């Protein structure tokens, strides 16, 4: 299993703590340190929808120039912004053996663990 995010993100910290306490092994990919794989980003956008993968609630998005934000009208535009600004990628994204997840919801993750989907 692989967990994608940014090490300093509070939500990612909570997700990592959850997995550690549950005894789930995973590899961590830090977008800031390890970069953003465009192919993975395209697959995540196709699976979850680019509107879900693009984090429009964060400060990085709000700090972007209006013209940059206004130009995001499709997956290609969103992916270009996320590649240049990794903090605009919703976190965490989990690439699991049987299923992928986006965002951290402790109750949903607990149910996924019980079903064997989070591994």
Protein backbone atom coordinates (compact mmCIF):
# COMPACT_ATOMS: atom_id res chain seq x y z
CA UNK A 1 0.00 0.00 0.00
CA UNK A 2 1.19 3.50 -0.73
CA UNK A 3 0.08 6.70 0.98
CA UNK A 4 0.51 9.96 -0.95
CA UNK A 5 0.58 13.33 0.72
CA UNK A 6 2.75 15.96 2.36
CA UNK A 7 4.58 15.09 5.56
CA UNK A 8 3.67 18.31 7.36
CA UNK A 9 -0.06 18.13 6.53
CA UNK A 10 -2.16 17.63 9.68
CA UNK A 11 -4.60 15.32 7.89
CA UNK A 12 -1.76 13.20 6.56
CA UNK A 13 -0.30 13.02 10.07
CA UNK A 14 -3.65 11.73 11.38
CA UNK A 15 -3.90 9.19 8.57
CA UNK A 16 -0.37 7.92 9.17
CA UNK A 17 -1.04 7.64 12.90
CA UNK A 18 -4.23 5.69 12.18
CA UNK A 19 -2.39 3.25 9.91
CA UNK A 20 0.54 2.89 12.32
CA UNK A 21 -1.79 2.17 15.25
CA UNK A 22 -3.72 -0.35 13.14
CA UNK A 23 -0.47 -2.10 12.24
CA UNK A 24 -0.91 -1.48 8.52
CA UNK A 25 2.35 -1.29 6.60
CA UNK A 26 2.63 1.30 3.85
CA UNK A 27 5.13 3.28 1.86
CA UNK A 28 4.85 7.06 2.10
CA UNK A 29 5.27 9.32 -0.91
CA UNK A 30 5.77 12.97 0.00
CA UNK A 31 4.79 15.21 -2.90
CA UNK A 32 7.12 17.98 -1.71
CA UNK A 33 10.15 15.70 -1.34
CA UNK A 34 9.49 12.99 -3.93
CA UNK A 35 7.66 15.01 -6.56
CA UNK A 36 4.38 14.47 -8.36
CA UNK A 37 4.11 11.63 -10.88
CA UNK A 38 1.94 12.99 -13.69
CA UNK A 39 0.73 9.50 -14.64
CA UNK A 40 -0.45 8.79 -11.08
CA UNK A 41 -2.12 12.17 -10.89
CA UNK A 42 -3.96 11.50 -14.14
CA UNK A 43 -5.10 8.08 -12.87
CA UNK A 44 -6.29 9.55 -9.57
CA UNK A 45 -8.17 12.30 -11.43
CA UNK A 46 -9.79 9.67 -13.67
CA UNK A 47 -10.76 7.49 -10.70
CA UNK A 48 -11.96 10.11 -8.23
CA UNK A 49 -12.74 13.01 -10.59
CA UNK A 50 -10.42 15.97 -11.00
CA UNK A 51 -12.81 18.13 -8.97
CA UNK A 52 -12.25 15.84 -5.97
CA UNK A 53 -8.47 15.53 -6.36
CA UNK A 54 -8.01 19.30 -6.67
CA UNK A 55 -8.13 20.81 -3.18
CA UNK A 56 -9.84 24.16 -3.57
CA UNK A 57 -10.23 24.68 0.17
CA UNK A 58 -6.59 25.15 1.07
CA UNK A 59 -4.54 28.30 1.36
CA UNK A 60 -2.38 27.37 -1.63
CA UNK A 61 -5.42 27.41 -3.92
CA UNK A 62 -6.64 30.70 -2.47
CA UNK A 63 -3.21 32.28 -2.97
CA UNK A 64 -3.08 31.38 -6.66
CA UNK A 65 -3.61 34.18 -9.15
CA UNK A 66 -7.25 34.57 -10.21
CA UNK A 67 -6.30 33.90 -13.84
CA UNK A 68 -4.71 30.57 -12.86
CA UNK A 69 -7.75 29.53 -10.84
CA UNK A 70 -10.17 30.64 -13.56
CA UNK A 71 -8.26 28.61 -16.16
CA UNK A 72 -8.99 25.35 -14.32
CA UNK A 73 -12.05 24.14 -16.22
CA UNK A 74 -11.11 20.53 -16.92
CA UNK A 75 -8.83 17.69 -15.85
CA UNK A 76 -5.87 18.90 -17.90
CA UNK A 77 -6.00 22.36 -16.34
CA UNK A 78 -6.39 20.94 -12.84
CA UNK A 79 -3.51 18.50 -13.31
CA UNK A 80 -1.25 21.29 -14.56
CA UNK A 81 -1.99 23.36 -11.44
CA UNK A 82 -1.56 20.37 -9.11
CA UNK A 83 1.74 19.44 -10.70
CA UNK A 84 3.10 22.95 -10.20
CA UNK A 85 1.52 23.32 -6.74
CA UNK A 86 1.49 19.94 -4.94
CA UNK A 87 -0.28 21.49 -1.95
CA UNK A 88 -3.40 21.75 -4.12
CA UNK A 89 -3.69 17.95 -4.25
CA UNK A 90 -6.27 16.57 -1.81
CA UNK A 91 -4.57 14.57 0.89
CA UNK A 92 -4.04 11.82 1.60
CA UNK A 93 -4.54 9.50 -1.33
CA UNK A 94 -4.09 5.81 -0.61
CA UNK A 95 -3.20 3.38 -3.34
CA UNK A 96 -4.23 0.04 -1.91
CA UNK A 97 -4.00 -3.54 -3.07
CA UNK A 98 -7.73 -3.85 -3.73
CA UNK A 99 -9.04 -0.30 -3.54
CA UNK A 100 -7.89 3.31 -3.52
CA UNK A 101 -9.04 6.02 -1.09
CA UNK A 102 -8.93 9.80 -1.09
CA UNK A 103 -9.14 11.95 2.02
CA UNK A 104 -9.06 10.74 5.60
CA UNK A 105 -12.27 9.66 7.30
CA UNK A 106 -11.40 7.58 10.39
CA UNK A 107 -14.78 5.82 10.48
CA UNK A 108 -14.69 4.93 6.79
CA UNK A 109 -11.09 3.74 7.12
CA UNK A 110 -12.03 1.62 10.15
CA UNK A 111 -14.81 -0.05 8.15
CA UNK A 112 -12.41 -0.54 5.22
CA UNK A 113 -9.93 -2.21 7.56
CA UNK A 114 -12.63 -4.54 8.85
CA UNK A 115 -13.59 -5.48 5.28
CA UNK A 116 -9.96 -5.92 4.29
CA UNK A 117 -10.11 -3.10 1.73
CA UNK A 118 -7.43 -1.00 3.40
CA UNK A 119 -4.22 -2.94 2.91
